[in-house]
Amino acid sequence: MRICEGVYLLKVGELERAGDIIIKASSSVVFIEDVLTLVDSGFSGDCQAIVSALEMLGLSPTDVKAVINTHLHRDHIGCNELFCCKKYAHELQIRAAGAPKDYLPYEEFFERFDARSIEIIETHGHCYGHISIIIHAEKEVVVAGDAIPRKGNLLQNTPPRLHVDRRAAIRSIELIKGIADVVIPGHDTPLVLKS
């Protein structure tokens, strides 16, 4: 799904619950064309859907030059192994995950790529070391990850159900609201805030 020029939602995130129990969770997966970069990679069962979506753009996993993960929970990194490139995340997340060798702190992404079209902001709350990606295109698109897992979190200004810091989570939502024309939640369809 084309969000705007050069920004594609390859897979819509999903979240199914039975009460407080998560039955299925899989993140949204976004492709940024000018830097051939993926933001998050869904759950491990999403790999074929991601490959198919890339093929519709005339690409394959080998064309992806970087993967930026909003955080390193398994429903956001499940298909990272498809991509033979460096992965980027917040240093706190890398340390918490035991510093996997193919992950670098997100600041290093900008040392390797001329990525003036994107900006990375820290959006703690759901977890420490959570980041969101701003894509400066014809619209300001924010890939929010689990700073805004569902549309309702943004519309009702409520933190993710799973969070480590409620106040930080609400500040992150407010920060994203102030920036975005379009928000891509971690587990829901995009939400247009300004046209």
N, C-alpha and C. Protein backbone atom coordinates (compact mmCIF):
# COMPACT_ATOMS: atom_id res chain seq x y z
N MET A 1 0.84 -1.17 0.00
CA MET A 1 0.00 0.00 0.00
C MET A 1 0.89 1.24 0.00
N ARG A 2 0.67 2.09 -0.97
CA ARG A 2 1.43 3.34 -1.07
C ARG A 2 0.86 4.34 -0.08
N ILE A 3 1.71 4.86 0.81
CA ILE A 3 1.28 5.88 1.77
C ILE A 3 1.42 7.25 1.13
N CYS A 4 2.56 7.48 0.50
CA CYS A 4 2.82 8.68 -0.29
C CYS A 4 4.05 8.37 -1.13
N GLU A 5 4.49 9.30 -1.94
CA GLU A 5 5.62 9.07 -2.84
C GLU A 5 6.83 8.51 -2.08
N GLY A 6 7.23 7.29 -2.44
CA GLY A 6 8.42 6.67 -1.88
C GLY A 6 8.25 6.01 -0.53
N VAL A 7 7.02 5.96 0.00
CA VAL A 7 6.75 5.33 1.30
C VAL A 7 5.66 4.28 1.11
N TYR A 8 5.99 3.03 1.44
CA TYR A 8 5.07 1.91 1.21
C TYR A 8 4.85 1.11 2.48
N LEU A 9 3.60 0.83 2.78
CA LEU A 9 3.25 -0.06 3.87
C LEU A 9 3.18 -1.45 3.26
N LEU A 10 4.18 -2.28 3.55
CA LEU A 10 4.26 -3.61 2.97
C LEU A 10 3.30 -4.58 3.65
N LYS A 11 3.06 -4.35 4.94
CA LYS A 11 2.17 -5.22 5.70
C LYS A 11 1.57 -4.42 6.85
N VAL A 12 0.26 -4.50 6.99
CA VAL A 12 -0.44 -3.82 8.09
C VAL A 12 -0.24 -4.64 9.36
N GLY A 13 0.07 -3.97 10.45
CA GLY A 13 0.22 -4.65 11.72
C GLY A 13 -1.10 -5.20 12.25
N GLU A 14 -1.00 -6.25 13.04
CA GLU A 14 -2.18 -6.91 13.60
C GLU A 14 -2.00 -7.10 15.09
N LEU A 15 -3.09 -7.11 15.80
CA LEU A 15 -3.07 -7.41 17.23
C LEU A 15 -4.42 -8.00 17.60
N GLU A 16 -4.40 -9.25 18.07
CA GLU A 16 -5.63 -9.92 18.49
C GLU A 16 -5.49 -10.29 19.96
N ARG A 17 -6.51 -9.98 20.74
CA ARG A 17 -6.50 -10.27 22.16
C ARG A 17 -7.73 -11.08 22.55
N ALA A 18 -7.59 -11.83 23.61
CA ALA A 18 -8.71 -12.44 24.31
C ALA A 18 -8.57 -11.94 25.74
N GLY A 19 -9.31 -10.89 26.04
CA GLY A 19 -9.13 -10.23 27.33
C GLY A 19 -7.76 -9.57 27.39
N ASP A 20 -6.98 -9.93 28.38
CA ASP A 20 -5.63 -9.38 28.50
C ASP A 20 -4.57 -10.25 27.83
N ILE A 21 -4.97 -11.35 27.24
CA ILE A 21 -4.01 -12.26 26.62
C ILE A 21 -3.89 -11.95 25.14
N ILE A 22 -2.63 -11.78 24.69
CA ILE A 22 -2.38 -11.53 23.27
C ILE A 22 -2.36 -12.87 22.55
N ILE A 23 -3.23 -13.02 21.57
CA ILE A 23 -3.32 -14.25 20.78
C ILE A 23 -2.38 -14.16 19.58
N LYS A 24 -2.37 -12.98 18.94
CA LYS A 24 -1.53 -12.80 17.76
C LYS A 24 -1.08 -11.34 17.72
N ALA A 25 0.21 -11.15 17.45
CA ALA A 25 0.75 -9.80 17.30
C ALA A 25 1.78 -9.81 16.19
N SER A 26 1.67 -8.84 15.32
CA SER A 26 2.59 -8.70 14.20
C SER A 26 2.63 -7.23 13.81
N SER A 27 3.82 -6.68 13.69
CA SER A 27 3.94 -5.24 13.45
C SER A 27 3.69 -4.86 12.00
N SER A 28 3.40 -3.58 11.83
CA SER A 28 3.38 -2.99 10.49
C SER A 28 4.80 -3.02 9.95
N VAL A 29 4.93 -3.13 8.64
CA VAL A 29 6.24 -3.15 7.99
C VAL A 29 6.22 -2.08 6.90
N VAL A 30 7.17 -1.14 6.97
CA VAL A 30 7.20 0.00 6.06
C VAL A 30 8.51 -0.01 5.27
N PHE A 31 8.41 0.33 4.00
CA PHE A 31 9.58 0.43 3.13
C PHE A 31 9.76 1.88 2.70
N ILE A 32 10.99 2.39 2.87
CA ILE A 32 11.33 3.75 2.47
C ILE A 32 12.22 3.64 1.24
N GLU A 33 11.69 4.05 0.12
CA GLU A 33 12.32 3.78 -1.18
C GLU A 33 13.67 4.47 -1.37
N ASP A 34 13.78 5.75 -1.04
CA ASP A 34 15.02 6.46 -1.40
C ASP A 34 16.25 5.96 -0.66
N VAL A 35 16.07 5.31 0.50
CA VAL A 35 17.21 4.74 1.22
C VAL A 35 17.13 3.21 1.29
N LEU A 36 16.19 2.62 0.54
CA LEU A 36 16.02 1.16 0.48
C LEU A 36 16.05 0.55 1.87
N THR A 37 15.24 1.14 2.75
CA THR A 37 15.25 0.76 4.17
C THR A 37 13.87 0.29 4.60
N LEU A 38 13.89 -0.75 5.42
CA LEU A 38 12.68 -1.31 6.00
C LEU A 38 12.58 -0.84 7.44
N VAL A 39 11.37 -0.51 7.90
CA VAL A 39 11.14 -0.22 9.30
C VAL A 39 10.30 -1.36 9.85
N ASP A 40 10.88 -2.09 10.79
CA ASP A 40 10.31 -3.28 11.41
C ASP A 40 10.11 -4.38 10.37
N SER A 41 9.95 -5.62 10.85
CA SER A 41 9.81 -6.73 9.90
C SER A 41 8.75 -7.74 10.33
N GLY A 42 7.83 -7.32 11.19
CA GLY A 42 6.72 -8.19 11.53
C GLY A 42 7.11 -9.40 12.36
N PHE A 43 6.21 -10.35 12.41
CA PHE A 43 6.41 -11.61 13.13
C PHE A 43 6.99 -12.63 12.16
N SER A 44 7.56 -13.69 12.66
CA SER A 44 8.24 -14.66 11.80
C SER A 44 7.33 -15.25 10.73
N GLY A 45 6.04 -15.34 10.97
CA GLY A 45 5.12 -15.88 9.97
C GLY A 45 4.78 -14.93 8.84
N ASP A 46 5.32 -13.70 8.89
CA ASP A 46 5.01 -12.68 7.89
C ASP A 46 6.00 -12.63 6.73
N CYS A 47 7.01 -13.46 6.75
CA CYS A 47 8.12 -13.33 5.79
C CYS A 47 7.64 -13.42 4.34
N GLN A 48 6.80 -14.38 4.00
CA GLN A 48 6.36 -14.52 2.62
C GLN A 48 5.55 -13.31 2.17
N ALA A 49 4.71 -12.78 3.06
CA ALA A 49 3.92 -11.59 2.71
C ALA A 49 4.83 -10.40 2.44
N ILE A 50 5.91 -10.27 3.19
CA ILE A 50 6.85 -9.16 2.99
C ILE A 50 7.59 -9.33 1.66
N VAL A 51 8.04 -10.55 1.40
CA VAL A 51 8.73 -10.83 0.13
C VAL A 51 7.80 -10.53 -1.04
N SER A 52 6.55 -10.95 -0.96
CA SER A 52 5.58 -10.70 -2.03
C SER A 52 5.34 -9.21 -2.23
N ALA A 53 5.24 -8.45 -1.14
CA ALA A 53 5.03 -7.00 -1.23
C ALA A 53 6.24 -6.32 -1.86
N LEU A 54 7.43 -6.75 -1.52
CA LEU A 54 8.64 -6.20 -2.15
C LEU A 54 8.65 -6.53 -3.64
N GLU A 55 8.28 -7.75 -4.00
CA GLU A 55 8.25 -8.15 -5.41
C GLU A 55 7.29 -7.28 -6.21
N MET A 56 6.18 -6.86 -5.60
CA MET A 56 5.24 -5.98 -6.29
C MET A 56 5.87 -4.62 -6.59
N LEU A 57 6.91 -4.28 -5.84
CA LEU A 57 7.66 -3.03 -6.09
C LEU A 57 8.86 -3.28 -6.99
N GLY A 58 9.00 -4.52 -7.47
CA GLY A 58 10.13 -4.87 -8.32
C GLY A 58 11.42 -5.10 -7.55
N LEU A 59 11.29 -5.48 -6.28
CA LEU A 59 12.45 -5.64 -5.40
C LEU A 59 12.46 -7.02 -4.76
N SER A 60 13.60 -7.35 -4.18
CA SER A 60 13.73 -8.58 -3.41
C SER A 60 14.40 -8.23 -2.08
N PRO A 61 14.45 -9.17 -1.14
CA PRO A 61 15.12 -8.88 0.13
C PRO A 61 16.58 -8.44 -0.03
N THR A 62 17.25 -8.88 -1.08
CA THR A 62 18.66 -8.47 -1.27
C THR A 62 18.79 -7.00 -1.65
N ASP A 63 17.71 -6.38 -2.09
CA ASP A 63 17.75 -4.95 -2.42
C ASP A 63 17.65 -4.05 -1.19
N VAL A 64 17.20 -4.61 -0.07
CA VAL A 64 17.05 -3.83 1.17
C VAL A 64 18.43 -3.59 1.76
N LYS A 65 18.77 -2.34 2.00
CA LYS A 65 20.11 -1.97 2.47
C LYS A 65 20.21 -1.79 3.97
N ALA A 66 19.05 -1.65 4.66
CA ALA A 66 19.05 -1.50 6.12
C ALA A 66 17.67 -1.83 6.66
N VAL A 67 17.64 -2.28 7.92
CA VAL A 67 16.40 -2.48 8.65
C VAL A 67 16.52 -1.67 9.94
N ILE A 68 15.56 -0.78 10.16
CA ILE A 68 15.51 -0.04 11.42
C ILE A 68 14.36 -0.62 12.22
N ASN A 69 14.66 -1.06 13.43
CA ASN A 69 13.62 -1.61 14.30
C ASN A 69 13.24 -0.59 15.36
N THR A 70 11.93 -0.36 15.49
CA THR A 70 11.44 0.58 16.50
C THR A 70 11.81 0.09 17.89
N HIS A 71 11.83 -1.22 18.05
CA HIS A 71 12.30 -1.88 19.27
C HIS A 71 12.47 -3.35 18.92
N LEU A 72 13.02 -4.12 19.84
CA LEU A 72 13.42 -5.48 19.49
C LEU A 72 12.51 -6.56 20.07
N HIS A 73 11.22 -6.28 20.17
CA HIS A 73 10.29 -7.33 20.55
C HIS A 73 10.04 -8.22 19.34
N ARG A 74 9.78 -9.49 19.59
CA ARG A 74 9.76 -10.48 18.51
C ARG A 74 8.69 -10.23 17.45
N ASP A 75 7.63 -9.51 17.78
CA ASP A 75 6.61 -9.23 16.77
C ASP A 75 7.00 -8.08 15.85
N HIS A 76 8.18 -7.49 16.07
CA HIS A 76 8.70 -6.41 15.23
C HIS A 76 10.00 -6.80 14.51
N ILE A 77 10.59 -7.92 14.89
CA ILE A 77 11.88 -8.34 14.30
C ILE A 77 11.82 -9.73 13.68
N GLY A 78 10.62 -10.29 13.55
CA GLY A 78 10.47 -11.68 13.17
C GLY A 78 11.05 -12.09 11.83
N CYS A 79 11.11 -11.16 10.87
CA CYS A 79 11.65 -11.50 9.55
C CYS A 79 12.98 -10.81 9.28
N ASN A 80 13.63 -10.30 10.31
CA ASN A 80 14.92 -9.64 10.11
C ASN A 80 15.94 -10.54 9.41
N GLU A 81 15.85 -11.85 9.66
CA GLU A 81 16.85 -12.76 9.08
C GLU A 81 16.75 -12.84 7.56
N LEU A 82 15.66 -12.39 6.97
CA LEU A 82 15.52 -12.35 5.51
C LEU A 82 16.51 -11.38 4.86
N PHE A 83 16.97 -10.42 5.62
CA PHE A 83 17.72 -9.29 5.06
C PHE A 83 19.18 -9.35 5.50
N CYS A 84 20.06 -9.48 4.50
CA CYS A 84 21.50 -9.59 4.75
C CYS A 84 22.11 -8.19 4.78
N CYS A 85 21.66 -7.40 5.74
CA CYS A 85 22.13 -6.03 5.88
C CYS A 85 22.21 -5.71 7.36
N LYS A 86 22.74 -4.57 7.68
CA LYS A 86 22.80 -4.14 9.07
C LYS A 86 21.39 -3.79 9.57
N LYS A 87 21.20 -4.05 10.85
CA LYS A 87 19.95 -3.69 11.51
C LYS A 87 20.28 -2.63 12.55
N TYR A 88 19.34 -1.71 12.74
CA TYR A 88 19.56 -0.58 13.64
C TYR A 88 18.43 -0.51 14.66
N ALA A 89 18.80 -0.12 15.88
CA ALA A 89 17.82 0.05 16.96
C ALA A 89 18.46 0.97 18.00
N HIS A 90 17.71 1.29 19.01
CA HIS A 90 18.23 2.10 20.12
C HIS A 90 19.23 1.25 20.91
N GLU A 91 20.27 1.89 21.37
CA GLU A 91 21.32 1.21 22.15
C GLU A 91 20.75 0.46 23.35
N LEU A 92 19.76 1.03 24.04
CA LEU A 92 19.16 0.34 25.19
C LEU A 92 18.52 -0.98 24.78
N GLN A 93 17.88 -1.00 23.63
CA GLN A 93 17.25 -2.22 23.14
C GLN A 93 18.30 -3.25 22.73
N ILE A 94 19.37 -2.78 22.11
CA ILE A 94 20.44 -3.70 21.70
C ILE A 94 21.06 -4.36 22.92
N ARG A 95 21.34 -3.56 23.96
CA ARG A 95 21.92 -4.12 25.19
C ARG A 95 20.94 -5.08 25.86
N ALA A 96 19.67 -4.72 25.91
CA ALA A 96 18.66 -5.58 26.55
C ALA A 96 18.53 -6.92 25.82
N ALA A 97 18.77 -6.91 24.51
CA ALA A 97 18.67 -8.14 23.71
C ALA A 97 19.97 -8.93 23.70
N GLY A 98 20.96 -8.48 24.45
CA GLY A 98 22.23 -9.19 24.49
C GLY A 98 23.17 -8.82 23.37
N ALA A 99 22.99 -7.63 22.80
CA ALA A 99 23.88 -7.07 21.78
C ALA A 99 24.13 -8.02 20.60
N PRO A 100 23.07 -8.38 19.86
CA PRO A 100 23.29 -9.21 18.67
C PRO A 100 24.28 -8.53 17.71
N LYS A 101 25.14 -9.30 17.09
CA LYS A 101 26.25 -8.74 16.30
C LYS A 101 25.82 -7.94 15.08
N ASP A 102 24.65 -8.21 14.51
CA ASP A 102 24.28 -7.48 13.31
C ASP A 102 23.44 -6.23 13.60
N TYR A 103 23.35 -5.83 14.88
CA TYR A 103 22.64 -4.61 15.24
C TYR A 103 23.62 -3.49 15.58
N LEU A 104 23.27 -2.30 15.13
CA LEU A 104 24.06 -1.11 15.44
C LEU A 104 23.14 -0.06 16.05
N PRO A 105 23.68 0.84 16.87
CA PRO A 105 22.86 1.94 17.37
C PRO A 105 22.33 2.77 16.21
N TYR A 106 21.10 3.24 16.32
CA TYR A 106 20.44 3.92 15.20
C TYR A 106 21.20 5.13 14.70
N GLU A 107 21.98 5.78 15.55
CA GLU A 107 22.75 6.95 15.11
C GLU A 107 23.71 6.60 13.97
N GLU A 108 24.20 5.36 13.98
CA GLU A 108 25.15 4.94 12.95
C GLU A 108 24.50 4.79 11.57
N PHE A 109 23.18 4.67 11.54
CA PHE A 109 22.49 4.61 10.26
C PHE A 109 22.82 5.86 9.44
N PHE A 110 22.84 7.01 10.10
CA PHE A 110 23.07 8.28 9.41
C PHE A 110 24.52 8.46 8.99
N GLU A 111 25.42 7.71 9.61
CA GLU A 111 26.83 7.72 9.18
C GLU A 111 27.02 6.91 7.90
N ARG A 112 26.17 5.93 7.67
CA ARG A 112 26.29 5.05 6.51
C ARG A 112 25.44 5.49 5.32
N PHE A 113 24.35 6.20 5.59
CA PHE A 113 23.41 6.55 4.53
C PHE A 113 23.16 8.06 4.49
N ASP A 114 23.00 8.57 3.29
CA ASP A 114 22.58 9.95 3.10
C ASP A 114 21.06 9.94 3.21
N ALA A 115 20.59 10.05 4.43
CA ALA A 115 19.17 9.84 4.70
C ALA A 115 18.51 11.12 5.19
N ARG A 116 18.57 12.14 4.36
CA ARG A 116 17.94 13.41 4.75
C ARG A 116 16.43 13.32 4.79
N SER A 117 15.88 12.30 4.16
CA SER A 117 14.42 12.16 4.12
C SER A 117 13.85 11.57 5.40
N ILE A 118 14.72 11.09 6.30
CA ILE A 118 14.18 10.52 7.53
C ILE A 118 14.85 11.10 8.77
N GLU A 119 14.14 10.96 9.85
CA GLU A 119 14.61 11.40 11.15
C GLU A 119 14.16 10.35 12.15
N ILE A 120 14.96 10.10 13.16
CA ILE A 120 14.60 9.12 14.18
C ILE A 120 14.46 9.86 15.50
N ILE A 121 13.34 9.60 16.18
CA ILE A 121 13.11 10.23 17.48
C ILE A 121 12.90 9.15 18.54
N GLU A 122 13.29 9.47 19.76
CA GLU A 122 13.10 8.53 20.86
C GLU A 122 11.68 8.69 21.41
N THR A 123 10.99 7.58 21.49
CA THR A 123 9.59 7.58 21.94
C THR A 123 9.41 6.50 23.01
N HIS A 124 10.08 6.72 24.13
CA HIS A 124 10.03 5.76 25.24
C HIS A 124 8.62 5.67 25.81
N GLY A 125 8.35 4.64 26.53
CA GLY A 125 7.07 4.45 27.20
C GLY A 125 6.64 3.00 27.13
N HIS A 126 6.43 2.51 25.91
CA HIS A 126 6.12 1.08 25.75
C HIS A 126 7.27 0.26 26.30
N CYS A 127 8.48 0.67 25.96
CA CYS A 127 9.69 0.08 26.50
C CYS A 127 10.77 1.16 26.49
N TYR A 128 11.83 0.91 27.24
CA TYR A 128 12.95 1.85 27.21
C TYR A 128 13.72 1.61 25.92
N GLY A 129 14.09 2.68 25.26
CA GLY A 129 14.83 2.55 24.01
C GLY A 129 13.94 2.37 22.79
N HIS A 130 12.69 2.74 22.89
CA HIS A 130 11.79 2.68 21.73
C HIS A 130 12.05 3.91 20.85
N ILE A 131 12.04 3.72 19.54
CA ILE A 131 12.20 4.83 18.61
C ILE A 131 11.05 4.83 17.60
N SER A 132 10.80 6.01 17.04
CA SER A 132 9.86 6.14 15.93
C SER A 132 10.57 6.83 14.79
N ILE A 133 10.14 6.57 13.58
CA ILE A 133 10.81 7.08 12.38
C ILE A 133 9.89 8.08 11.70
N ILE A 134 10.44 9.29 11.48
CA ILE A 134 9.72 10.32 10.73
C ILE A 134 10.25 10.29 9.31
N ILE A 135 9.35 10.19 8.35
CA ILE A 135 9.73 10.22 6.94
C ILE A 135 9.23 11.54 6.37
N HIS A 136 10.18 12.36 5.94
CA HIS A 136 9.84 13.66 5.35
C HIS A 136 9.62 13.44 3.85
N ALA A 137 8.38 13.29 3.47
CA ALA A 137 8.02 13.09 2.07
C ALA A 137 7.01 14.19 1.73
N GLU A 138 6.11 13.91 0.79
CA GLU A 138 5.08 14.92 0.50
C GLU A 138 4.19 15.14 1.71
N LYS A 139 4.22 14.19 2.64
CA LYS A 139 3.55 14.31 3.94
C LYS A 139 4.55 13.89 4.99
N GLU A 140 4.34 14.36 6.22
CA GLU A 140 5.17 13.91 7.34
C GLU A 140 4.57 12.60 7.83
N VAL A 141 5.26 11.50 7.57
CA VAL A 141 4.78 10.18 7.94
C VAL A 141 5.59 9.71 9.15
N VAL A 142 4.89 9.29 10.20
CA VAL A 142 5.59 8.76 11.37
C VAL A 142 5.25 7.28 11.51
N VAL A 143 6.29 6.46 11.46
CA VAL A 143 6.16 5.04 11.75
C VAL A 143 6.35 4.93 13.25
N ALA A 144 5.25 4.72 13.97
CA ALA A 144 5.24 4.88 15.43
C ALA A 144 5.61 3.62 16.20
N GLY A 145 5.63 2.46 15.54
CA GLY A 145 5.87 1.24 16.31
C GLY A 145 4.86 1.14 17.43
N ASP A 146 5.31 0.70 18.60
CA ASP A 146 4.39 0.56 19.72
C ASP A 146 4.34 1.79 20.62
N ALA A 147 4.88 2.91 20.16
CA ALA A 147 4.57 4.18 20.84
C ALA A 147 3.09 4.45 20.65
N ILE A 148 2.57 4.02 19.48
CA ILE A 148 1.13 4.08 19.19
C ILE A 148 0.77 2.74 18.54
N PRO A 149 0.48 1.73 19.35
CA PRO A 149 0.20 0.42 18.76
C PRO A 149 -1.10 0.36 17.95
N ARG A 150 -2.13 1.07 18.43
CA ARG A 150 -3.43 1.04 17.76
C ARG A 150 -3.92 2.48 17.59
N LYS A 151 -4.80 2.68 16.62
CA LYS A 151 -5.36 4.02 16.38
C LYS A 151 -5.97 4.61 17.64
N GLY A 152 -6.67 3.78 18.40
CA GLY A 152 -7.33 4.24 19.61
C GLY A 152 -6.37 4.86 20.62
N ASN A 153 -5.13 4.36 20.66
CA ASN A 153 -4.16 4.95 21.58
C ASN A 153 -3.93 6.42 21.24
N LEU A 154 -3.86 6.72 19.96
CA LEU A 154 -3.65 8.10 19.53
C LEU A 154 -4.91 8.93 19.72
N LEU A 155 -6.04 8.41 19.28
CA LEU A 155 -7.30 9.16 19.33
C LEU A 155 -7.75 9.43 20.76
N GLN A 156 -7.47 8.50 21.68
CA GLN A 156 -7.90 8.66 23.07
C GLN A 156 -6.76 9.11 23.99
N ASN A 157 -5.57 9.30 23.39
CA ASN A 157 -4.39 9.74 24.15
C ASN A 157 -4.11 8.79 25.33
N THR A 158 -4.19 7.49 25.05
CA THR A 158 -3.93 6.50 26.09
C THR A 158 -2.66 5.72 25.75
N PRO A 159 -1.86 5.43 26.76
CA PRO A 159 -0.62 4.69 26.50
C PRO A 159 -0.90 3.26 26.07
N PRO A 160 0.09 2.62 25.46
CA PRO A 160 -0.08 1.20 25.13
C PRO A 160 -0.44 0.42 26.40
N ARG A 161 -1.24 -0.62 26.25
CA ARG A 161 -1.61 -1.43 27.41
C ARG A 161 -0.36 -1.97 28.09
N LEU A 162 0.62 -2.40 27.29
CA LEU A 162 1.90 -2.85 27.83
C LEU A 162 2.87 -1.68 27.77
N HIS A 163 3.25 -1.18 28.93
CA HIS A 163 4.19 -0.06 28.98
C HIS A 163 5.04 -0.12 30.24
N VAL A 164 6.20 0.54 30.19
CA VAL A 164 7.09 0.60 31.34
C VAL A 164 7.03 1.95 32.03
N ASP A 165 6.53 2.97 31.31
CA ASP A 165 6.48 4.32 31.87
C ASP A 165 5.28 5.05 31.25
N ARG A 166 4.21 5.15 32.02
CA ARG A 166 2.96 5.74 31.52
C ARG A 166 3.15 7.18 31.06
N ARG A 167 3.82 8.00 31.87
CA ARG A 167 4.01 9.41 31.51
C ARG A 167 4.83 9.55 30.24
N ALA A 168 5.90 8.78 30.13
CA ALA A 168 6.73 8.83 28.92
C ALA A 168 5.93 8.39 27.71
N ALA A 169 5.08 7.39 27.89
CA ALA A 169 4.25 6.90 26.78
C ALA A 169 3.30 7.99 26.29
N ILE A 170 2.69 8.72 27.21
CA ILE A 170 1.76 9.79 26.82
C ILE A 170 2.54 10.94 26.16
N ARG A 171 3.72 11.26 26.68
CA ARG A 171 4.55 12.30 26.04
C ARG A 171 4.92 11.89 24.62
N SER A 172 5.21 10.63 24.42
CA SER A 172 5.56 10.14 23.07
C SER A 172 4.37 10.29 22.12
N ILE A 173 3.17 9.96 22.59
CA ILE A 173 1.98 10.12 21.76
C ILE A 173 1.80 11.59 21.38
N GLU A 174 1.93 12.47 22.34
CA GLU A 174 1.77 13.90 22.08
C GLU A 174 2.83 14.42 21.11
N LEU A 175 4.06 13.94 21.25
CA LEU A 175 5.14 14.33 20.35
C LEU A 175 4.80 13.93 18.91
N ILE A 176 4.37 12.69 18.74
CA ILE A 176 4.03 12.19 17.40
C ILE A 176 2.85 12.97 16.82
N LYS A 177 1.83 13.24 17.62
CA LYS A 177 0.67 14.02 17.17
C LYS A 177 1.10 15.39 16.63
N GLY A 178 2.07 15.99 17.29
CA GLY A 178 2.53 17.32 16.88
C GLY A 178 3.33 17.33 15.59
N ILE A 179 3.82 16.19 15.17
CA ILE A 179 4.67 16.09 13.98
C ILE A 179 3.93 15.56 12.77
N ALA A 180 3.13 14.53 12.97
CA ALA A 180 2.64 13.69 11.87
C ALA A 180 1.47 14.26 11.08
N ASP A 181 1.55 14.05 9.78
CA ASP A 181 0.38 14.16 8.91
C ASP A 181 -0.29 12.79 8.83
N VAL A 182 0.54 11.75 8.82
CA VAL A 182 0.07 10.36 8.77
C VAL A 182 0.84 9.57 9.82
N VAL A 183 0.12 8.78 10.61
CA VAL A 183 0.75 7.90 11.59
C VAL A 183 0.52 6.46 11.15
N ILE A 184 1.59 5.68 11.17
CA ILE A 184 1.48 4.25 10.93
C ILE A 184 1.70 3.57 12.28
N PRO A 185 0.60 3.12 12.91
CA PRO A 185 0.71 2.46 14.21
C PRO A 185 1.42 1.11 14.09
N GLY A 186 1.89 0.61 15.21
CA GLY A 186 2.56 -0.68 15.21
C GLY A 186 1.66 -1.83 14.83
N HIS A 187 0.37 -1.74 15.19
CA HIS A 187 -0.52 -2.89 14.99
C HIS A 187 -1.90 -2.47 14.48
N ASP A 188 -1.91 -1.57 13.50
CA ASP A 188 -3.19 -1.09 12.99
C ASP A 188 -2.95 -0.42 11.62
N THR A 189 -4.03 -0.04 10.97
CA THR A 189 -3.94 0.64 9.69
C THR A 189 -3.53 2.11 9.91
N PRO A 190 -2.99 2.76 8.87
CA PRO A 190 -2.56 4.16 9.00
C PRO A 190 -3.71 5.10 9.37
N LEU A 191 -3.33 6.18 10.00
CA LEU A 191 -4.29 7.19 10.43
C LEU A 191 -3.82 8.54 9.89
N VAL A 192 -4.68 9.19 9.11
CA VAL A 192 -4.36 10.50 8.55
C VAL A 192 -4.81 11.57 9.54
N LEU A 193 -3.86 12.39 10.00
CA LEU A 193 -4.17 13.47 10.95
C LEU A 193 -4.36 14.79 10.25
N LYS A 194 -3.55 15.02 9.20
CA LYS A 194 -3.64 16.27 8.42
C LYS A 194 -3.55 15.90 6.96
N SER A 195 -4.41 16.50 6.13
CA SER A 195 -4.36 16.17 4.70
C SER A 195 -3.60 17.21 3.91
